[in-house]
Protein backbone atom coordinates (compact mmCIF):
# COMPACT_ATOMS: atom_id res chain seq x y z
CA MET A 1 3.46 18.66 -11.51
CA HIS A 2 2.61 15.04 -12.14
CA ARG A 3 1.11 14.87 -15.61
CA SER A 4 2.66 11.82 -17.20
CA SER A 5 -0.69 11.08 -18.84
CA PRO A 6 -4.08 12.75 -19.25
CA THR A 7 -5.60 10.29 -16.75
CA VAL A 8 -7.95 12.10 -14.40
CA ILE A 9 -6.47 12.54 -10.94
CA GLY A 10 -8.73 12.06 -7.88
CA VAL A 11 -10.84 15.09 -7.10
CA GLY A 12 -10.33 14.77 -3.33
CA ALA A 13 -12.50 13.52 -0.56
CA ALA A 14 -14.38 16.67 0.13
CA VAL A 15 -15.87 17.14 -3.32
CA ILE A 16 -15.42 15.75 -2.36
CA LEU A 17 -15.74 15.06 -0.57
CA ALA A 18 -25.46 13.54 -3.06
CA SER A 19 -31.07 9.54 -4.69
CA GLY A 20 -32.27 6.98 -6.75
CA LEU A 21 -33.21 3.34 -6.99
CA ILE A 22 -30.52 1.18 -5.42
CA GLN A 23 -28.75 -0.60 -8.27
CA VAL A 24 -25.32 -2.22 -7.95
CA PRO A 25 -23.63 -3.22 -11.21
CA ALA A 26 -23.69 -6.93 -11.91
CA ALA A 27 -19.91 -7.14 -11.79
CA ALA A 28 -20.01 -5.97 -8.18
CA ALA A 29 -22.79 -8.33 -7.03
CA PRO A 30 -20.65 -10.26 -4.48
CA ALA A 31 -20.88 -7.26 -2.14
CA GLN A 32 -24.56 -8.07 -1.61
CA ASP A 33 -23.50 -11.06 0.51
CA LEU A 34 -21.62 -8.80 2.92
CA VAL A 35 -24.61 -7.12 4.55
CA VAL A 36 -24.19 -6.96 8.32
CA PRO A 37 -27.41 -7.68 10.20
CA GLN A 38 -28.63 -4.73 12.22
CA GLN A 39 -29.26 -5.10 15.96
CA GLU A 40 -31.83 -3.35 18.08
CA SER A 41 -29.68 -2.83 21.18
CA VAL A 42 -27.36 0.16 21.55
CA ALA A 43 -24.59 0.03 24.14
CA PRO A 44 -24.07 2.81 26.64
CA ALA A 45 -20.98 4.90 26.00
CA GLN A 46 -19.49 3.76 29.32
CA ASP A 47 -18.52 0.42 27.73
CA ALA A 48 -15.02 1.73 26.99
CA ALA A 49 -11.69 1.94 28.75
CA ILE A 50 -8.82 4.42 28.38
CA THR A 51 -5.13 3.52 28.68
CA TYR A 52 -2.38 6.12 28.74
CA VAL A 53 0.72 5.25 26.73
CA ASP A 54 4.12 6.82 26.05
CA CYS A 55 3.97 9.54 23.43
CA PRO A 56 6.18 9.24 20.36
CA GLU A 57 9.44 11.17 20.48
CA GLY A 58 9.11 14.82 19.50
CA VAL A 59 5.43 15.30 20.36
CA GLU A 60 4.78 18.93 21.30
CA PRO A 61 4.05 20.41 23.74
CA ALA A 62 5.86 18.20 26.23
CA ARG A 63 2.86 18.03 28.59
CA THR A 64 0.80 16.20 25.93
CA LYS A 65 -0.74 12.95 27.15
CA CYS A 66 -1.16 10.09 24.67
CA ALA A 67 -3.82 7.43 25.12
CA GLU A 68 -5.80 4.63 23.54
CA LEU A 69 -9.52 4.21 24.09
CA THR A 70 -10.73 0.61 23.84
CA VAL A 71 -14.27 0.51 22.47
CA PRO A 72 -16.55 -2.19 21.06
CA LEU A 73 -15.82 -2.93 17.43
CA ASP A 74 -19.56 -2.70 16.83
CA TRP A 75 -21.64 -0.58 19.18
CA GLN A 76 -24.69 -2.58 18.01
CA THR A 77 -23.26 -5.73 19.59
CA PRO A 78 -21.04 -4.37 22.40
CA ASP A 79 -20.89 -7.58 24.43
CA ASP A 80 -19.58 -9.93 21.74
CA GLY A 81 -15.96 -9.46 22.86
CA ARG A 82 -14.71 -7.69 19.73
CA THR A 83 -12.96 -4.39 20.37
CA THR A 84 -10.83 -1.79 18.65
CA GLN A 85 -8.64 1.10 19.81
CA ILE A 86 -9.14 4.80 19.19
CA ALA A 87 -5.93 6.85 19.38
CA LEU A 88 -6.09 10.23 21.10
CA ARG A 89 -3.87 12.89 22.62
CA VAL A 90 -4.72 15.46 25.26
CA ILE A 91 -2.96 18.79 25.85
CA PRO A 92 -4.01 19.81 29.38
CA SER A 93 -5.02 23.42 30.00
CA PRO A 94 -4.09 25.50 33.06
CA ARG A 95 -7.73 25.91 34.11
CA GLY A 96 -9.04 22.50 33.07
CA ALA A 97 -12.54 23.84 32.48
CA GLY A 98 -13.50 21.04 30.11
CA GLY A 99 -12.57 19.55 26.76
CA PHE A 100 -12.25 21.17 23.33
CA THR A 101 -12.01 18.84 20.34
CA PHE A 102 -12.46 18.88 16.57
CA ASN A 103 -12.80 16.77 13.46
CA PRO A 104 -10.87 17.85 10.34
CA GLY A 105 -13.28 16.41 7.79
CA GLY A 106 -12.86 13.97 4.94
CA PRO A 107 -14.40 11.54 5.69
CA GLY A 108 -11.01 10.07 6.57
CA GLY A 109 -9.15 13.08 7.95
CA ALA A 110 -6.78 12.33 10.84
CA GLY A 111 -7.05 14.65 13.83
CA ILE A 112 -3.75 13.67 15.42
CA GLU A 113 -1.77 14.37 12.25
CA ILE A 114 -2.79 18.04 12.21
CA GLY A 115 -3.74 18.47 15.86
CA GLU A 116 -0.52 20.19 16.89
CA TYR A 117 -1.01 22.83 14.17
CA VAL A 118 -4.69 23.36 15.04
CA TYR A 119 -3.70 23.83 18.68
CA LYS A 120 -1.08 26.45 17.83
CA ASP A 121 -3.68 28.43 15.85
CA LEU A 122 -6.21 28.47 18.68
CA PRO A 123 -6.50 31.75 20.61
CA GLN A 124 -4.64 31.71 23.91
CA GLN A 125 -7.82 32.18 25.90
CA VAL A 126 -9.22 28.95 24.43
CA ARG A 127 -6.00 27.03 25.13
CA ASP A 128 -5.86 28.37 28.70
CA ARG A 129 -9.42 27.39 29.49
CA PHE A 130 -9.96 23.99 27.85
CA ASP A 131 -8.00 20.78 27.48
CA PHE A 132 -7.35 20.22 23.78
CA VAL A 133 -8.22 16.70 22.58
CA MET A 134 -7.10 15.43 19.18
CA TRP A 135 -8.14 11.98 17.97
CA ASP A 136 -8.27 9.82 14.89
CA PRO A 137 -11.75 8.46 14.14
CA ARG A 138 -12.00 4.70 13.82
CA GLY A 139 -10.11 3.29 10.84
CA VAL A 140 -8.21 6.56 10.33
CA GLY A 141 -4.56 7.31 11.07
CA LEU A 142 -3.48 5.65 14.32
CA SER A 143 -6.92 4.26 15.21
CA GLY A 144 -8.31 0.83 14.42
CA PRO A 145 -9.74 -1.12 12.79
CA LYS A 146 -7.53 -0.98 9.71
CA VAL A 147 -8.46 -1.42 6.05
CA THR A 148 -5.65 -3.27 4.25
CA GLY A 149 -4.81 -5.30 1.17
CA CYS A 150 -6.76 -3.25 -1.37
CA ALA A 151 -5.68 -2.38 -4.89
CA ASN A 152 -5.58 1.20 -6.11
CA ARG A 153 -9.04 2.46 -6.93
CA PRO A 154 -9.61 2.94 -10.67
CA PHE A 155 -9.97 6.36 -12.23
CA PRO A 156 -11.24 6.99 -15.73
CA ASP A 157 -8.98 7.75 -18.67
CA LEU A 158 -10.43 10.78 -20.42
CA PRO A 159 -9.38 12.14 -23.81
CA PRO A 160 -7.11 15.20 -23.50
CA THR A 161 -9.14 17.01 -26.14
CA GLY A 162 -12.41 16.66 -28.02
CA ALA A 163 -15.84 15.37 -27.08
CA VAL A 164 -16.36 13.03 -24.13
CA GLU A 165 -19.06 10.35 -24.18
CA TRP A 166 -19.99 10.78 -20.54
CA GLU A 167 -22.92 8.37 -20.75
CA THR A 168 -20.43 5.64 -21.66
CA VAL A 169 -17.28 6.67 -19.77
CA TRP A 170 -18.91 7.26 -16.36
CA PRO A 171 -20.95 3.97 -16.31
CA ASP A 172 -17.85 2.00 -17.35
CA TRP A 173 -15.91 3.64 -14.54
CA ALA A 174 -18.76 2.94 -12.09
CA VAL A 175 -18.57 -0.79 -12.86
CA ALA A 176 -14.78 -0.80 -12.42
CA MET A 177 -15.13 1.12 -9.16
CA GLY A 178 -17.75 -1.33 -7.96
CA GLN A 179 -15.50 -4.30 -8.62
CA ALA A 180 -12.57 -2.71 -6.76
CA GLN A 181 -14.62 -1.62 -3.76
CA SER A 182 -16.47 -4.91 -3.50
CA ASP A 183 -13.14 -6.71 -3.43
CA CYS A 184 -11.68 -4.36 -0.80
CA PHE A 185 -14.80 -4.61 1.37
CA ALA A 186 -14.67 -8.42 1.19
CA LYS A 187 -11.01 -8.44 2.22
CA ASN A 188 -11.76 -6.42 5.34
CA PRO A 189 -14.77 -8.02 7.06
CA ASP A 190 -13.51 -7.04 10.52
CA SER A 191 -13.06 -3.37 9.73
CA ALA A 192 -14.89 -2.02 6.66
CA PRO A 193 -18.46 -2.56 7.97
CA TYR A 194 -17.76 -0.66 11.22
CA LEU A 195 -16.44 2.72 10.06
CA GLY A 196 -19.56 4.85 9.74
CA THR A 197 -20.54 7.97 11.64
CA TRP A 198 -23.13 6.06 13.69
CA GLN A 199 -20.19 4.22 15.30
CA VAL A 200 -17.95 7.31 15.50
CA VAL A 201 -20.35 9.40 17.59
CA ARG A 202 -20.52 6.62 20.18
CA ASP A 203 -16.72 6.50 20.28
CA MET A 204 -16.76 10.26 20.80
CA GLU A 205 -19.23 9.98 23.69
CA ALA A 206 -17.20 7.16 25.24
CA MET A 207 -14.13 9.37 24.99
CA ARG A 208 -15.90 12.22 26.78
CA VAL A 209 -16.98 9.92 29.59
CA ALA A 210 -13.53 8.30 29.91
CA LEU A 211 -11.80 11.71 30.08
CA GLY A 212 -14.27 12.97 32.66
CA TYR A 213 -15.60 16.00 30.77
CA PRO A 214 -19.17 17.03 31.56
CA LYS A 215 -19.60 18.33 28.00
CA TRP A 216 -17.67 18.77 24.77
CA ASN A 217 -16.76 21.95 22.96
CA PHE A 218 -16.66 20.68 19.36
CA TRP A 219 -15.27 22.39 16.26
CA ALA A 220 -16.85 20.55 13.35
CA MET A 221 -15.08 21.04 10.01
CA SER A 222 -16.57 19.90 6.69
CA TYR A 223 -17.53 16.20 7.11
CA GLY A 224 -17.11 16.86 10.84
CA THR A 225 -20.39 18.80 10.64
CA ARG A 226 -22.13 15.49 9.93
CA ILE A 227 -20.49 14.07 13.06
CA ALA A 228 -21.69 17.11 15.03
CA TYR A 229 -25.22 16.82 13.65
CA THR A 230 -25.43 13.10 14.45
CA TYR A 231 -23.86 13.60 17.88
CA ALA A 232 -26.27 16.44 18.66
CA LYS A 233 -29.20 14.22 17.67
CA THR A 234 -27.90 11.32 19.76
CA PHE A 235 -26.26 12.97 22.79
CA PRO A 236 -27.63 16.54 22.94
CA GLU A 237 -26.83 16.96 26.64
CA SER A 238 -23.13 16.27 25.98
CA LEU A 239 -22.40 19.47 24.03
CA ARG A 240 -21.44 22.80 25.56
CA THR A 241 -20.65 24.61 22.29
CA VAL A 242 -20.57 23.60 18.62
CA ILE A 243 -18.86 25.44 15.77
CA VAL A 244 -20.34 24.26 12.45
CA ASP A 245 -17.72 25.28 9.86
CA GLY A 246 -18.09 24.44 6.15
CA SER A 247 -21.24 22.40 6.53
CA LEU A 248 -22.64 19.40 4.72
CA TRP A 249 -26.35 19.14 3.91
CA PRO A 250 -28.05 17.39 6.87
CA GLN A 251 -30.40 15.40 4.60
CA GLU A 252 -27.58 14.52 2.23
CA SER A 253 -27.55 11.64 -0.23
CA VAL A 254 -24.86 10.37 -2.58
CA TYR A 255 -26.75 11.70 -5.60
CA ARG A 256 -27.48 15.12 -4.08
CA LEU A 257 -23.85 15.49 -3.01
CA SER A 258 -22.70 14.86 -6.56
CA SER A 259 -25.38 16.72 -8.47
CA GLN A 260 -24.84 20.03 -6.66
CA GLN A 261 -21.05 20.12 -6.71
CA ALA A 262 -20.69 21.72 -10.16
CA MET A 263 -22.82 24.66 -9.05
CA ALA A 264 -20.51 25.07 -6.06
CA TRP A 265 -17.43 25.09 -8.32
CA GLN A 266 -18.96 27.79 -10.51
CA THR A 267 -19.96 29.85 -7.48
CA ALA A 268 -16.44 29.54 -6.03
CA LEU A 269 -14.97 30.86 -9.28
CA GLN A 270 -17.37 33.81 -9.31
CA VAL A 271 -16.72 34.74 -5.67
CA TYR A 272 -12.96 34.48 -6.21
CA SER A 273 -13.25 36.72 -9.29
CA SER A 274 -15.33 39.27 -7.38
CA VAL A 275 -12.37 39.97 -5.09
CA MET A 276 -9.42 39.24 -7.41
CA GLY A 277 -10.70 40.78 -10.66
CA ARG A 278 -13.74 39.93 -12.73
CA ALA A 279 -11.60 39.32 -15.79
CA GLN A 280 -10.39 36.14 -14.07
CA THR A 281 -13.63 34.28 -14.82
CA ARG A 282 -13.57 35.34 -18.48
CA LYS A 283 -9.92 34.29 -18.86
CA PHE A 284 -10.51 30.94 -17.17
CA GLU A 285 -13.48 30.17 -19.41
CA GLN A 286 -11.46 31.07 -22.52
CA ILE A 287 -8.60 28.85 -21.34
CA LEU A 288 -10.94 25.88 -21.04
CA GLU A 289 -12.49 26.59 -24.45
CA VAL A 290 -9.04 26.46 -26.08
CA LEU A 291 -7.93 23.43 -24.09
CA ASP A 292 -10.99 21.55 -25.27
CA ASP A 293 -9.25 21.45 -28.65
CA THR A 294 -5.55 21.30 -27.70
CA TYR A 295 -3.13 21.02 -24.77
CA ILE A 296 0.24 22.47 -23.80
CA GLU A 297 3.35 20.31 -23.97
CA THR A 298 5.68 21.03 -21.04
CA PRO A 299 8.83 19.31 -19.72
CA ASP A 300 6.66 17.79 -16.96
CA GLY A 301 4.03 16.40 -19.29
CA PRO A 302 0.92 17.70 -21.06
CA LEU A 303 -1.03 20.51 -19.44
CA THR A 304 -4.56 19.41 -20.33
CA ARG A 305 -7.98 20.84 -19.67
CA TRP A 306 -8.40 18.31 -16.87
CA TYR A 307 -5.27 19.24 -14.98
CA ALA A 308 -5.65 22.99 -15.53
CA SER A 309 -9.23 23.12 -14.30
CA GLN A 310 -8.85 20.67 -11.44
CA THR A 311 -5.76 22.38 -10.08
CA VAL A 312 -7.50 25.76 -10.02
CA PHE A 313 -10.67 24.41 -8.43
CA GLU A 314 -8.75 22.51 -5.75
CA ALA A 315 -6.77 25.66 -4.94
CA LEU A 316 -9.97 27.73 -4.60
CA GLY A 317 -10.70 25.92 -1.34
CA SER A 318 -8.15 28.13 0.44
CA GLN A 319 -7.98 31.88 -0.05
CA ARG A 320 -4.26 31.89 0.76
CA ASN A 321 -3.91 30.47 -2.77
CA TYR A 322 -5.63 33.45 -4.43
CA SER A 323 -2.48 35.25 -5.57
CA ASP A 324 -1.06 32.03 -7.02
CA ILE A 325 -4.37 31.24 -8.74
CA ARG A 326 -4.37 34.64 -10.41
CA ARG A 327 -0.78 34.20 -11.57
CA SER A 328 -1.62 30.74 -12.87
CA ILE A 329 -4.74 31.85 -14.77
CA ASN A 330 -2.94 34.84 -16.26
CA ALA A 331 0.07 32.76 -17.31
CA VAL A 332 -1.99 29.99 -18.90
CA TYR A 333 -4.17 32.59 -20.62
CA ASP A 334 -1.07 34.14 -22.16
CA ALA A 335 0.17 30.70 -23.23
CA VAL A 336 -3.01 29.47 -24.93
CA VAL A 337 -5.02 32.59 -25.84
CA ARG A 338 -3.14 35.88 -25.86
CA LYS A 339 0.41 35.26 -27.12
CA PRO A 340 1.26 31.57 -27.41
CA SER A 341 5.00 30.89 -27.52
CA SER A 342 7.64 28.62 -26.03
CA GLY A 343 8.30 31.18 -23.31
CA THR A 344 4.67 31.57 -22.28
CA ARG A 345 4.21 27.79 -22.22
CA LYS A 346 7.10 27.45 -19.76
CA ALA A 347 5.72 30.31 -17.67
CA ALA A 348 2.31 28.64 -17.62
CA ALA A 349 3.81 25.35 -16.47
CA ARG A 350 5.67 27.10 -13.64
CA ALA A 351 2.55 29.00 -12.55
CA VAL A 352 0.41 25.87 -12.39
CA GLU A 353 3.23 24.08 -10.58
CA ALA A 354 3.02 26.71 -7.83
CA LEU A 355 -0.53 25.61 -6.96
CA ASP A 356 -1.17 22.67 -4.70
CA ASP A 357 -0.91 19.35 -6.54
CA PRO A 358 -4.39 17.75 -6.58
CA ALA A 359 -3.02 14.22 -6.17
CA PRO A 360 -5.37 11.60 -4.71
CA ALA A 361 -5.64 11.47 -0.94
CA PRO A 362 -4.27 8.24 0.60
CA TRP A 363 -7.56 7.38 2.32
CA GLU A 364 -9.90 7.02 -0.65
CA TYR A 365 -11.33 3.64 0.38
CA LEU A 366 -11.95 5.03 3.85
CA PHE A 367 -13.82 7.93 2.28
CA SER A 368 -16.18 5.53 0.54
CA PHE A 369 -16.61 3.10 3.43
CA ILE A 370 -17.44 5.92 5.88
CA ASN A 371 -19.53 7.99 3.49
CA CYS A 372 -21.47 5.01 2.19
CA ALA A 373 -22.14 3.68 5.69
CA ASP A 374 -23.81 7.02 6.35
CA LEU A 375 -25.66 7.47 3.04
CA HIS A 376 -27.71 4.55 1.78
CA ASP A 377 -28.75 5.53 -1.73
CA ARG A 378 -26.83 3.86 -4.58
CA PRO A 379 -27.11 5.73 -7.90
CA SER A 380 -26.88 3.33 -10.83
CA PRO A 381 -24.05 3.52 -13.40
CA GLU A 382 -26.59 4.83 -15.91
CA MET A 383 -27.60 7.62 -13.53
CA ALA A 384 -23.94 8.51 -13.09
CA GLY A 385 -23.51 8.85 -16.85
CA ARG A 386 -26.59 11.00 -17.28
CA LEU A 387 -25.55 13.27 -14.43
CA ALA A 388 -22.04 13.84 -15.81
CA ALA A 389 -23.43 14.55 -19.30
CA SER A 390 -25.96 17.01 -17.92
CA VAL A 391 -23.33 18.90 -15.90
CA ALA A 392 -20.98 19.04 -18.92
CA ARG A 393 -23.78 20.60 -21.01
CA ASP A 394 -24.78 23.11 -18.32
CA TYR A 395 -21.39 24.24 -17.00
CA GLY A 396 -18.67 23.00 -19.36
CA THR A 397 -16.79 19.81 -20.12
CA THR A 398 -14.41 19.78 -17.17
CA PHE A 399 -17.15 20.56 -14.64
CA ALA A 400 -18.30 16.96 -15.07
CA LEU A 401 -15.40 16.06 -12.78
CA ALA A 402 -17.45 17.59 -9.97
CA THR A 403 -19.80 14.57 -10.16
CA MET A 404 -17.12 12.00 -9.32
CA ASN A 405 -18.70 11.10 -5.97
CA VAL A 406 -21.75 9.71 -7.75
CA VAL A 407 -19.85 6.42 -8.22
CA SER A 408 -18.20 6.42 -4.78
CA CYS A 409 -20.55 3.79 -3.30
CA GLN A 410 -20.57 1.37 -6.21
CA GLY A 411 -20.09 -2.25 -5.15
CA LEU A 412 -20.97 -1.59 -1.51
CA PRO A 413 -24.08 -2.91 0.24
CA ALA A 414 -26.61 -0.28 1.24
CA ASP A 415 -27.20 -1.27 4.85
CA TYR A 416 -23.95 -2.42 6.46
CA SER A 417 -24.31 0.36 9.06
CA PRO A 418 -27.16 2.38 10.53
CA PRO A 419 -27.50 5.58 8.49
CA VAL A 420 -27.02 9.06 9.86
CA PRO A 421 -30.20 10.94 10.84
CA SER A 422 -31.99 12.48 7.87
CA ASP A 423 -35.24 13.74 9.38
CA TRP A 424 -36.16 17.41 9.48
CA SER A 425 -36.78 17.67 13.22
CA THR A 426 -35.19 20.62 15.01
CA ILE A 427 -32.31 20.13 17.43
CA ASP A 428 -32.55 22.07 20.70
CA LEU A 429 -29.20 22.46 22.42
CA ALA A 430 -28.59 24.32 25.67
CA THR A 431 -26.35 26.67 23.66
CA PRO A 432 -27.18 26.74 19.92
CA PRO A 433 -24.29 26.47 17.45
CA VAL A 434 -22.43 29.14 15.55
CA VAL A 435 -22.51 28.24 11.85
CA VAL A 436 -19.62 29.66 9.78
CA LEU A 437 -20.20 29.76 6.02
CA SER A 438 -18.25 31.03 3.02
CA LEU A 439 -20.39 32.31 0.19
CA GLY A 440 -18.27 30.56 -2.45
CA ASP A 441 -17.26 27.37 -0.63
CA LYS A 442 -16.66 24.90 -3.48
CA ASN A 443 -16.64 21.79 -1.25
CA THR A 444 -19.68 22.45 0.93
CA PRO A 445 -21.92 25.05 -0.74
CA TRP A 446 -23.40 27.90 1.26
CA LEU A 447 -26.94 26.53 0.81
CA TRP A 448 -26.01 23.30 2.59
CA GLY A 449 -24.83 25.24 5.61
CA LYS A 450 -27.90 27.44 5.62
CA ILE A 451 -30.11 24.34 5.73
CA MET A 452 -27.93 22.87 8.49
CA ALA A 453 -28.26 26.07 10.50
CA ASN A 454 -32.04 25.81 10.21
CA GLN A 455 -31.89 22.37 11.87
CA TYR A 456 -30.50 23.90 15.08
CA ALA A 457 -32.97 26.05 17.03
CA GLY A 458 -31.55 29.50 17.71
CA SER A 459 -28.31 29.09 15.76
CA ARG A 460 -26.42 32.09 14.38
CA ILE A 461 -24.74 32.29 10.97
CA ILE A 462 -21.49 34.10 10.23
CA ASN A 463 -21.29 34.59 6.45
CA TYR A 464 -17.90 35.33 4.87
CA ASN A 465 -17.30 36.59 1.33
CA SER A 466 -14.72 34.07 0.11
CA SER A 467 -14.39 30.58 -1.38
CA GLN A 468 -12.54 29.43 1.75
CA HIS A 469 -13.48 25.94 2.92
CA VAL A 470 -13.45 25.87 6.75
CA THR A 471 -13.10 29.50 7.71
CA TYR A 472 -12.55 30.02 11.45
CA LEU A 473 -8.86 30.90 12.00
CA SER A 474 -8.09 30.13 8.33
CA THR A 475 -8.48 33.78 7.34
CA PRO A 476 -7.42 37.04 9.04
CA SER A 477 -11.04 38.21 9.32
CA THR A 478 -11.66 39.43 12.87
CA CYS A 479 -15.32 39.72 11.86
CA VAL A 480 -15.34 35.90 11.68
CA ASN A 481 -12.74 34.91 14.25
CA ASP A 482 -13.58 37.16 17.21
CA PRO A 483 -17.26 36.23 17.65
CA VAL A 484 -16.46 32.52 17.28
CA THR A 485 -13.80 32.77 19.98
CA ARG A 486 -16.20 34.65 22.29
CA TYR A 487 -18.76 31.94 21.67
CA ILE A 488 -16.33 29.17 22.64
CA VAL A 489 -15.13 30.89 25.81
CA ARG A 490 -18.32 32.56 27.03
CA ARG A 491 -21.09 30.71 25.17
CA GLN A 492 -22.03 34.12 23.79
CA LEU A 493 -23.88 33.98 20.47
CA PRO A 494 -23.81 36.91 18.06
CA PRO A 495 -27.05 38.88 18.54
CA ALA A 496 -27.95 38.32 14.87
CA ASN A 497 -26.58 36.71 11.74
CA VAL A 498 -23.40 38.40 10.52
CA PHE A 499 -22.01 39.21 7.07
CA CYS A 500 -18.25 39.63 6.87
CA SER A 501 -16.42 41.23 3.94
CA PHE A 502 -13.41 39.58 2.33
CA VAL A 503 -10.06 40.17 4.06
CA PRO A 504 -6.97 39.19 2.02
CA THR A 505 -4.56 36.68 3.49
CA PRO A 506 -1.12 38.33 3.85
CA VAL A 507 1.39 37.06 1.33
CA GLU A 508 4.15 35.10 3.06
């Protein structure tokens, strides 16, 4: 564990990584001078060139081809001579029946970094039929343009115990965030304004054309569902199949994203408890009630209400953590409620240590620059404070952490990129998508995915009883995995929406 102080650790990009009057704090006003004028012209995707390069040593499998796609830096002004490179790798298939690609979410997730592992998880029939294409979206991982020279983003110091003045703490943090992001944006004029999804989908289309695929098969994960939605709106004829997995709200805003997250956390806890024991919710709530007034001293630092709650909620995103979550809740319950002692405190520290450390992701500025290019509302610092206070009253003190994204666009101009589509028109694809949803998804609530499914004419929903975020191949449920695989290979939709019961992940 890393608990040297009770400072709040970053919640993660998916909370990460939802409207109001646009108000930027006065301290962040310089960002207003950084607005990039919008152009009417849109370049065709063919304005791109692919170059094959030597793969780094150790890349598997050996037949992998590595490449760089040169694209306009700004697809609004494609002929101004400015370019950037998108890194990609292709694993050819025996049949070569087209391309299968994915986006791992974020915003800011690198496809190349995890691509080898995603490929190994794919069913053999998918690997045999389609070339597998992994790529880093612009600004991410190995792709340009790069964001550099920025200081660490500020996070609020919150009291380890006692009342929290959210209507003061959150606005103060919003102003500090605005100053940091304004400074970072100003230091990166040749990269930061060109990272939004509007640009990414044109890179993706250029990649398809350069690789010679008639259509994409696209597995959209989390934020990747926004890419899929925007791509389907822009290039509907370029999609063969789409798996929408852990979906964002198609008409999303910064305020809506933030205001609904606490409900998703509570739902995730309830769904987890429904399969792991209903006493888990009661124990967790009692733990947080006690930790509101005290904290546990451990050799690794104080175990506060912030760390205890955030660690559990982060872990709920993957059902393979369920056994460890139960051990952690039970151990901390013993330490603070049932039989407090030196031994139970040590056991509690070890149990929490076994969960994934919710340390900040390294691409936090990218998260804001991409997300805020897409979403143009800018909640004011005062709105942020009121939202956090309201959530704390309704759900509990630590649930206010679920609203952290409400300040994620502070200091950034509202129109440095074209926004993503937000209309309610229906998308008609030759083959409608399969939409995979977990009932207790804490990152992208079930309701968001249901609304996304309604945007695609004829789509089918596969519902799964878990808090898993991104479900296909992440659980052993054949009820989920088999129909998705059939859909990819045969373009065969389930005849109706499906409900799948929870299937435990085997303990390693």
